Protein backbone atom coordinates (compact mmCIF):
# COMPACT_ATOMS: atom_id res chain seq x y z
CA MET A 1 129.11 108.34 57.24
CA GLU A 2 126.79 110.23 59.51
CA GLU A 3 123.99 110.05 56.85
CA ILE A 4 124.57 106.34 56.54
CA ASN A 5 124.28 105.87 60.33
CA GLN A 6 121.06 108.02 60.39
CA LEU A 7 119.59 105.89 57.55
CA ALA A 8 120.51 102.69 59.48
CA GLN A 9 118.82 103.79 62.67
CA PRO A 10 115.09 102.92 62.92
CA GLU A 11 112.67 105.90 62.99
CA GLN A 12 111.40 106.85 66.50
CA LYS A 13 108.29 108.83 67.36
CA THR A 14 107.23 109.84 70.90
CA HIS A 15 103.44 109.33 71.85
CA GLN A 16 101.42 110.54 74.64
CA VAL A 17 99.59 107.72 76.54
CA LEU A 18 96.00 108.70 76.31
CA PHE A 19 93.01 107.72 78.63
CA THR A 20 89.67 108.64 77.24
CA GLY A 21 87.24 107.24 79.82
CA ASN A 22 84.87 109.43 81.78
CA THR A 23 83.13 109.39 85.06
CA LYS A 24 79.72 109.20 83.71
CA ASP A 25 80.22 105.94 81.67
CA TYR A 26 82.21 104.31 84.26
CA PHE A 27 79.80 105.28 87.09
CA GLY A 28 77.05 103.40 85.15
CA ILE A 29 79.25 100.22 84.84
CA TRP A 30 80.17 100.50 88.51
CA THR A 31 76.64 100.97 89.70
CA VAL A 32 75.53 97.78 87.72
CA ASN A 33 78.51 95.85 88.97
CA ILE A 34 77.83 96.68 92.64
CA LEU A 35 74.05 95.91 92.39
CA LEU A 36 74.42 92.56 90.50
CA SER A 37 77.20 91.45 92.75
CA ILE A 38 74.98 92.00 95.74
CA LEU A 39 71.94 90.34 94.19
CA THR A 40 74.05 87.30 93.20
CA LEU A 41 75.87 87.06 96.50
CA GLY A 42 79.05 87.93 94.91
CA ILE A 43 78.94 85.62 91.94
CA TYR A 44 78.60 88.57 89.45
CA SER A 45 81.84 90.05 90.80
CA ALA A 46 83.92 88.01 88.29
CA TRP A 47 81.99 89.65 85.46
CA ALA A 48 82.40 93.00 87.33
CA THR A 49 86.11 92.61 87.38
CA VAL A 50 86.34 91.83 83.64
CA ARG A 51 83.98 94.65 82.74
CA THR A 52 85.97 97.17 84.78
CA LYS A 53 89.33 96.04 83.46
CA GLN A 54 88.00 96.08 79.73
CA TYR A 55 86.78 99.65 80.26
CA PHE A 56 89.97 100.95 81.52
CA TYR A 57 92.18 99.03 79.19
CA GLY A 58 90.02 99.83 76.28
CA HIS A 59 90.13 103.47 76.90
CA THR A 60 94.01 103.57 77.38
CA SER A 61 95.78 104.04 73.99
CA ILE A 62 99.26 104.46 72.54
CA ASP A 63 99.57 105.70 69.08
CA GLY A 64 95.96 105.14 68.43
CA HIS A 65 96.17 101.58 69.47
CA ARG A 66 94.18 100.48 72.53
CA PHE A 67 94.99 97.99 75.22
CA ASN A 68 92.82 94.90 75.58
CA TYR A 69 91.83 92.68 78.55
CA LEU A 70 91.31 89.21 77.42
CA ALA A 71 90.39 87.23 80.41
CA THR A 72 86.84 85.77 80.68
CA PRO A 73 84.44 86.03 83.61
CA MET A 74 84.49 82.27 83.99
CA GLN A 75 88.24 81.99 84.39
CA ILE A 76 87.98 84.67 87.12
CA LEU A 77 84.96 82.84 88.84
CA LYS A 78 86.60 79.41 88.86
CA GLY A 79 89.77 80.86 90.42
CA ARG A 80 87.70 82.83 92.93
CA ILE A 81 85.63 79.74 93.90
CA ILE A 82 88.73 77.65 94.62
CA ALA A 83 90.58 80.43 96.27
CA PHE A 84 87.63 80.91 98.72
CA ALA A 85 87.39 77.19 99.22
CA ILE A 86 91.11 77.26 100.47
CA PHE A 87 90.43 80.23 102.68
CA ALA A 88 87.41 78.45 104.26
CA LEU A 89 89.66 75.34 104.87
CA TYR A 90 92.24 77.65 106.54
CA ILE A 91 89.63 79.10 108.87
CA ILE A 92 88.35 75.65 109.81
CA LEU A 93 91.89 74.42 110.51
CA THR A 94 92.88 77.43 112.56
CA THR A 95 89.70 77.03 114.69
CA TYR A 96 89.76 73.40 115.32
CA SER A 97 93.29 72.06 114.74
CA PRO A 98 96.23 74.30 115.68
CA ALA A 99 98.73 71.82 114.51
CA MET A 100 97.10 71.53 110.99
CA ALA A 101 96.83 75.40 111.02
CA VAL A 102 100.60 75.61 111.46
CA ALA A 103 101.21 73.04 108.70
CA PHE A 104 98.87 74.96 106.47
CA PHE A 105 100.74 78.15 107.14
CA LEU A 106 103.94 76.47 106.30
CA ILE A 107 102.58 75.23 102.94
CA TRP A 108 101.13 78.75 102.36
CA ALA A 109 104.50 80.31 102.84
CA VAL A 110 106.12 77.86 100.41
CA ALA A 111 103.31 78.72 97.98
CA ILE A 112 103.55 82.41 98.06
CA PRO A 113 106.40 82.70 95.48
CA TRP A 114 104.41 80.56 93.01
CA LEU A 115 101.25 82.50 93.66
CA ILE A 116 102.96 85.86 93.02
CA ASN A 117 104.59 84.59 89.70
CA GLN A 118 101.27 83.04 88.55
CA SER A 119 99.25 86.25 89.31
CA LEU A 120 101.76 88.45 87.44
CA ARG A 121 101.81 85.77 84.59
CA PHE A 122 97.99 85.74 84.40
CA ASN A 123 97.43 89.47 84.48
CA LEU A 124 100.13 90.12 81.81
CA ARG A 125 99.12 87.29 79.67
CA MET A 126 95.49 88.64 79.67
CA THR A 127 96.78 92.05 78.47
CA SER A 128 97.44 92.75 74.82
CA HIS A 129 98.44 95.77 72.71
CA ARG A 130 98.31 95.75 68.76
CA ASN A 131 97.13 92.17 69.02
CA VAL A 132 100.30 91.11 70.75
CA ARG A 133 100.12 89.71 74.32
CA PHE A 134 102.37 90.56 77.31
CA GLY A 135 104.09 87.75 79.20
CA PHE A 136 106.10 87.00 82.41
CA LYS A 137 109.00 84.60 82.70
CA GLY A 138 110.00 84.77 86.37
CA SER A 139 111.09 81.62 88.12
CA TYR A 140 110.03 80.10 91.48
CA LEU A 141 113.49 80.38 92.97
CA ASP A 142 113.93 84.03 91.98
CA ALA A 143 110.43 84.82 93.47
CA LEU A 144 111.33 82.96 96.62
CA THR A 145 114.50 85.06 96.90
CA HIS A 146 112.84 88.43 96.24
CA PHE A 147 109.55 88.19 97.89
CA VAL A 148 110.43 86.04 101.05
CA LEU A 149 114.18 85.96 101.70
CA LEU A 150 115.12 89.57 100.81
CA PRO A 151 112.30 91.17 102.86
CA ILE A 152 113.64 89.06 105.94
CA VAL A 153 117.00 90.57 105.27
CA GLY A 154 115.44 94.16 105.21
CA ALA A 155 113.73 93.40 108.55
CA LEU A 156 116.93 91.98 110.20
CA THR A 157 118.82 95.21 109.30
CA LEU A 158 115.98 97.16 111.16
CA TYR A 159 114.63 98.11 107.66
CA ILE A 160 117.85 100.12 106.69
CA ALA A 161 118.24 97.76 103.74
CA MET A 162 114.48 97.93 102.71
CA PRO A 163 114.91 100.55 99.96
CA TRP A 164 117.54 98.33 98.36
CA VAL A 165 115.13 95.24 98.87
CA MET A 166 112.28 97.15 97.07
CA LYS A 167 114.73 98.03 94.31
CA LYS A 168 115.58 94.36 93.85
CA ILE A 169 111.82 93.38 93.76
CA ASP A 170 111.06 95.97 91.18
CA THR A 171 113.98 94.93 89.14
CA TYR A 172 112.94 91.30 89.26
CA ILE A 173 109.27 92.09 88.23
CA HIS A 174 110.08 94.38 85.32
CA ASN A 175 113.11 92.48 83.94
CA ASN A 176 110.85 89.37 83.60
CA ILE A 177 108.06 91.17 81.51
CA GLU A 178 107.78 90.21 77.93
CA TYR A 179 105.86 91.85 74.97
CA GLY A 180 105.49 89.34 72.32
CA ASN A 181 109.03 88.15 71.48
CA LYS A 182 110.66 91.19 73.14
CA ALA A 183 111.84 91.48 76.69
CA LEU A 184 111.67 94.59 78.93
CA LYS A 185 114.94 95.62 80.44
CA VAL A 186 115.40 97.88 83.46
CA GLU A 187 118.52 99.05 85.47
CA LEU A 188 117.38 100.61 88.65
CA SER A 189 119.48 102.50 91.16
CA ALA A 190 119.23 101.72 94.94
CA GLY A 191 120.24 105.41 95.57
CA ARG A 192 117.08 106.64 93.92
CA TYR A 193 115.02 104.35 96.30
CA TYR A 194 116.93 105.58 99.32
CA GLY A 195 116.43 109.26 98.09
CA ALA A 196 112.69 108.72 97.92
CA VAL A 197 112.54 107.22 101.37
CA LEU A 198 114.76 110.08 102.63
CA ARG A 199 112.35 112.65 101.22
CA CYS A 200 109.43 110.78 102.90
CA LEU A 201 111.41 110.61 106.13
CA ILE A 202 112.00 114.40 106.13
CA VAL A 203 108.36 115.12 105.30
CA ALA A 204 107.28 112.79 108.19
CA ILE A 205 109.52 114.56 110.71
CA GLY A 206 108.20 117.93 109.51
CA PHE A 207 104.67 116.78 110.06
CA GLY A 208 105.59 115.31 113.45
CA VAL A 209 107.11 118.59 114.52
CA ILE A 210 104.21 120.72 113.26
CA SER A 211 101.74 118.33 114.96
CA ALA A 212 103.51 118.53 118.29
CA ILE A 213 103.63 122.41 118.08
CA ILE A 214 99.83 122.48 117.28
CA ALA A 215 99.15 120.12 120.21
CA GLY A 216 101.16 122.23 122.58
CA VAL A 217 99.58 125.55 121.48
CA ALA A 218 96.17 124.02 121.70
CA GLY A 219 96.81 122.65 125.08
CA SER A 220 97.67 126.04 126.49
CA PHE A 221 94.22 127.44 125.66
CA GLY A 222 90.92 126.45 127.14
CA ASP A 223 89.66 123.40 129.01
CA PRO A 224 91.72 120.20 127.97
CA GLY A 225 88.55 118.09 128.15
CA SER A 226 86.71 120.17 125.63
CA LEU A 227 89.69 120.19 123.29
CA GLY A 228 90.26 116.52 123.40
CA VAL A 229 87.65 115.54 120.75
CA ALA A 230 88.79 118.46 118.50
CA MET A 231 92.44 117.37 118.79
CA VAL A 232 91.54 113.89 117.94
CA PHE A 233 89.97 115.02 114.61
CA ILE A 234 92.77 117.38 113.85
CA SER A 235 95.27 114.74 114.55
CA LEU A 236 93.45 112.27 112.29
CA GLY A 237 93.19 114.88 109.50
CA PHE A 238 96.93 115.78 109.86
CA ASN A 239 98.09 112.18 109.78
CA PHE A 240 95.81 111.58 106.84
CA LEU A 241 97.42 114.37 104.87
CA ALA A 242 100.81 113.11 105.91
CA ILE A 243 100.20 109.72 104.74
CA SER A 244 98.84 110.90 101.33
CA LEU A 245 101.95 113.09 100.82
CA LEU A 246 104.32 110.33 101.74
CA ALA A 247 102.61 107.84 99.38
CA GLY A 248 102.52 110.40 96.62
CA ILE A 249 106.16 111.23 97.04
CA TYR A 250 107.38 107.68 97.07
CA GLN A 251 105.15 106.33 94.42
CA SER A 252 105.71 109.15 91.91
CA LYS A 253 109.64 109.13 92.41
CA ILE A 254 109.90 105.50 92.01
CA ARG A 255 107.43 105.39 88.92
CA ASN A 256 109.41 108.03 87.31
CA HIS A 257 112.78 106.27 87.91
CA ILE A 258 111.51 102.94 86.64
CA PHE A 259 110.03 104.38 83.52
CA ALA A 260 113.25 106.46 82.73
CA ASN A 261 115.40 103.33 83.08
CA ALA A 262 113.05 100.74 81.19
CA GLN A 263 113.56 99.75 77.67
CA LEU A 264 111.63 97.23 75.45
CA GLU A 265 114.42 96.00 73.44
CA ASP A 266 114.35 97.58 69.96
CA VAL A 267 110.88 98.74 70.37
CA ALA A 268 110.26 101.30 73.00
CA THR A 269 111.52 103.61 75.79
CA PHE A 270 109.41 105.17 78.33
CA GLU A 271 109.14 108.43 80.29
CA SER A 272 107.04 109.50 83.38
CA LYS A 273 106.85 112.98 84.61
CA LEU A 274 104.46 112.41 87.55
CA ASP A 275 104.55 115.42 89.92
CA SER A 276 104.97 114.52 93.53
CA VAL A 277 102.89 117.26 94.96
CA GLU A 278 100.09 116.99 92.47
CA TYR A 279 99.89 113.26 92.81
CA SER A 280 99.82 113.56 96.64
CA MET A 281 96.99 115.95 96.49
CA LEU A 282 95.09 113.61 94.12
CA LEU A 283 95.46 110.76 96.45
CA ALA A 284 94.32 112.91 99.53
CA THR A 285 91.45 114.50 97.71
CA ASN A 286 90.31 111.11 96.18
CA ALA A 287 90.24 109.50 99.63
CA LEU A 288 88.27 112.50 101.06
CA ALA A 289 85.84 112.32 98.26
CA ILE A 290 85.24 108.57 98.84
CA ILE A 291 84.72 109.11 102.51
CA PHE A 292 82.43 112.01 102.44
CA SER A 293 80.32 110.75 99.62
CA LEU A 294 79.96 107.24 101.26
CA GLY A 295 81.76 105.54 98.53
CA LEU A 296 79.69 107.10 95.56
CA ALA A 297 82.69 109.07 94.33
CA PHE A 298 84.80 106.03 93.77
CA PRO A 299 84.20 106.08 89.96
CA TRP A 300 85.24 109.72 89.79
CA THR A 301 88.37 109.09 91.76
CA LYS A 302 89.44 105.96 89.67
CA VAL A 303 88.92 107.90 86.39
CA ARG A 304 90.67 110.94 87.73
CA LYS A 305 93.70 108.94 88.91
CA ALA A 306 93.84 107.19 85.43
CA LYS A 307 93.84 110.46 83.58
CA MET A 308 96.67 111.93 85.70
CA LEU A 309 98.80 108.75 85.16
CA ALA A 310 98.24 108.72 81.50
CA ALA A 311 98.94 112.46 81.23
CA ALA A 312 102.26 112.07 82.93
CA THR A 313 103.44 109.28 80.63
CA THR A 314 104.97 109.21 77.14
CA ILE A 315 106.45 106.27 75.04
CA THR A 316 108.94 106.54 72.17
CA LEU A 317 108.30 103.88 69.68
CA SER A 318 110.59 102.78 66.92
CA GLU A 319 109.47 101.48 63.66
CA ASN A 320 110.31 97.90 64.86
CA ALA A 321 107.27 98.03 67.05
CA GLU A 322 105.37 96.88 63.92
CA GLN A 323 107.58 93.71 63.79
CA VAL A 324 106.97 92.45 67.24
CA MET A 325 105.74 88.81 67.00
CA GLU A 326 103.11 87.12 69.17
CA VAL A 327 104.58 84.28 71.11
CA TYR A 328 102.66 81.07 72.08
CA ARG A 329 102.49 80.46 75.83
CA GLU A 330 100.73 77.95 77.83
CA SER A 331 97.22 79.38 79.03
CA GLN A 332 97.38 80.53 82.54
CA SER A 333 94.99 80.13 85.35
CA SER A 334 93.48 82.87 87.47
CA LEU A 335 93.61 80.77 90.65
CA ALA A 336 96.86 82.26 91.85
CA GLU A 337 95.61 85.79 91.43
CA GLU A 338 92.38 85.11 93.23
CA ALA A 339 94.06 83.17 96.02
CA ALA A 340 96.64 86.06 96.51
CA ASN A 341 93.64 88.50 96.69
CA VAL A 342 91.75 86.43 99.24
CA PHE A 343 94.80 86.15 101.49
CA ASP A 344 95.74 89.82 101.01
CA VAL A 345 98.97 89.30 99.15
CA ASP A 346 99.52 92.56 97.25
CA ILE A 347 100.69 92.11 93.74
CA SER A 348 100.95 95.10 91.53
CA LEU A 349 103.17 96.96 89.13
CA THR A 350 104.45 100.24 90.22
């Protein structure tokens, strides 16, 4: 009987996610993107976005199959033009007509859930693997609940409920992702989110205590005036390190939790082993490199981060992966994504 069950189960193989990009190649792409975007007064930025995503997607592979980014520069450019026109209208209204500005703000608040859904839908629809596209099926009411109403609840509880809110948001996003005719399913634990936040809180308190001790010791020596400037820089450096460590702890813990509890039905399971300390140090050194190189180290930091995330990720595929079917979906507009970017709505996958 056991032999029959083993024969009935599809064969599974675990694959390391690979990123094969390098700093030299991306630096060339990045340099051309910057120069042409400046020379064309930003128009080329649409082509720059597509080139960058195509490079990183094309150098990320699973089981020898690379990802593809399918959006065209004209799709991005049209969305960008309309989004900036809306932004210009917003500026004019807030300057000359406060009443219209309030009305615009209310319309914008109502539109946020739609924008978020459309942005997620566009980005996923423009991504493919093994010639099968991804998709997103979230509804407006669900987005309104998760991105507007629940954060208000979190704020009303003095942010005590915010880890639970973040868990609900991540669950909504990932449970609505599709790959061809297969749906992604996740079962997340609010306890893991509270655990990640608690770790961050302990680290933040520790940094606060150490910072106070350093300030007290420094204040007992020398002239307070001469120590003022030095203490400002020490404090900035200390806070910078603390923020990097907190971001690294939270992001790595939540990423690992989501991957461990996600499953693409009958196709794949996921695992992330992103080390909190290593990732925190990467974030800190990347930011320092960008600052001290006046931005020239950006390509190096982006490639470095992509390599670490890929190296920490494995995917177990079943033989059913070959049977995933492409599903026709209505073509998506990039307007929502660009409007969200213009108005600083952060839409991303963990």
